[in-house]
Protein backbone atom coordinates (compact mmCIF):
# COMPACT_ATOMS: atom_id res chain seq x y z
CA MET A 1 0.00 0.00 0.00
CA ILE A 2 1.39 3.37 -1.02
CA ARG A 3 0.26 6.55 0.74
CA VAL A 4 0.44 9.54 -1.57
CA TYR A 5 0.62 12.94 0.09
CA PHE A 6 -0.30 15.83 -2.13
CA VAL A 7 -0.46 19.60 -1.99
CA PHE A 8 -3.18 21.23 -4.02
CA GLU A 9 -4.37 24.74 -4.80
CA ASP A 10 -7.61 25.35 -2.96
CA PRO A 11 -9.38 28.63 -3.76
CA LEU A 12 -11.90 28.00 -0.97
CA ASP A 13 -9.19 27.83 1.71
CA ASP A 14 -7.88 31.05 3.29
CA ALA A 15 -4.27 29.96 2.71
CA GLY A 16 -4.99 29.02 -0.91
CA VAL A 17 -3.40 25.57 -0.56
CA ASN A 18 -4.10 22.34 1.28
CA LEU A 19 -2.24 19.14 2.12
CA SER A 20 -3.97 15.77 2.09
CA PHE A 21 -3.24 12.11 1.43
CA ILE A 22 -4.81 9.03 -0.10
CA ASP A 23 -3.78 5.37 0.04
CA ILE A 24 -3.39 3.37 -3.16
CA PRO A 25 -3.43 -0.45 -3.08
CA THR A 26 -0.23 -1.03 -5.04
CA GLN A 27 3.47 -1.61 -4.35
CA ASP A 28 4.56 0.61 -7.24
CA PRO A 29 5.04 4.28 -6.25
CA ARG A 30 4.92 5.45 -9.88
CA GLU A 31 1.61 3.66 -10.39
CA ALA A 32 0.26 5.21 -7.17
CA CYS A 33 1.21 8.74 -8.25
CA ARG A 34 -0.19 8.18 -11.73
CA ARG A 35 -3.44 6.94 -10.18
CA VAL A 36 -3.71 10.08 -8.03
CA GLU A 37 -3.08 12.31 -11.06
CA ASP A 38 -5.75 10.44 -13.06
CA ALA A 39 -8.22 10.63 -10.18
CA ALA A 40 -7.56 14.36 -9.78
CA ARG A 41 -8.20 14.99 -13.48
CA SER A 42 -11.44 12.99 -13.47
CA GLY A 43 -12.79 14.46 -10.21
CA GLU A 44 -12.74 11.05 -8.51
CA LEU A 45 -10.12 12.20 -6.01
CA TRP A 46 -12.25 15.10 -4.85
CA LYS A 47 -15.33 12.86 -4.50
CA GLN A 48 -13.30 10.43 -2.37
CA LEU A 49 -11.95 13.15 -0.08
CA TYR A 50 -15.04 15.36 0.16
CA PRO A 51 -18.16 13.37 -0.74
CA ASP A 52 -20.53 16.15 0.35
CA GLU A 53 -18.97 18.75 -1.97
CA GLN A 54 -19.99 18.38 -5.60
CA ASP A 55 -17.99 21.05 -7.40
CA HIS A 56 -14.72 22.29 -6.05
CA PRO A 57 -11.89 23.52 -8.28
CA TYR A 58 -8.40 22.39 -7.35
CA ASP A 59 -5.03 21.75 -8.99
CA LEU A 60 -2.34 19.39 -7.77
CA ILE A 61 0.91 21.18 -6.98
CA LYS A 62 3.20 18.50 -5.59
CA MET A 63 3.10 14.84 -4.54
CA SER A 64 5.21 12.62 -2.32
CA TYR A 65 4.70 9.04 -1.21
CA LEU A 66 5.38 6.58 1.58
CA ASP A 67 5.10 2.79 1.45
CA ILE A 68 2.81 1.92 4.36
CA SER A 69 2.50 -1.79 3.57
CA THR A 70 4.09 -2.79 6.86
CA LEU A 71 2.32 -0.12 8.90
CA THR A 72 -1.06 -1.82 9.20
CA GLU A 73 -2.20 0.51 11.99
CA GLU A 74 -1.97 3.38 9.48
CA MET A 75 -4.44 1.82 7.03
CA ALA A 76 -8.10 2.81 7.03
CA ALA A 77 -10.80 1.99 4.50
CA ASP A 78 -11.90 5.62 4.12
CA THR A 79 -8.47 6.71 2.88
CA VAL A 80 -8.13 4.11 0.10
CA LEU A 81 -8.58 5.11 -3.51
CA GLY A 82 -9.33 1.91 -5.42
CA LEU A 83 -7.61 0.96 -8.63
């Protein structure tokens, strides 16, 4: 499991940016980052993070990742973005 941390522009936030993360069920960090980029483009990422908000403009600024496969206490179903 790869946890992808990402910074995104958020026009609704006073600071203009936000930091969040999502877990991707893969062992390949490149695949995880690609999946986050695809989900951001399609709007799927926003729906996963904020299901009550329908339209919210945002742009990814930067991503980083951490392999959490051995950190089972860190895993939670509500943070997983399915493949």
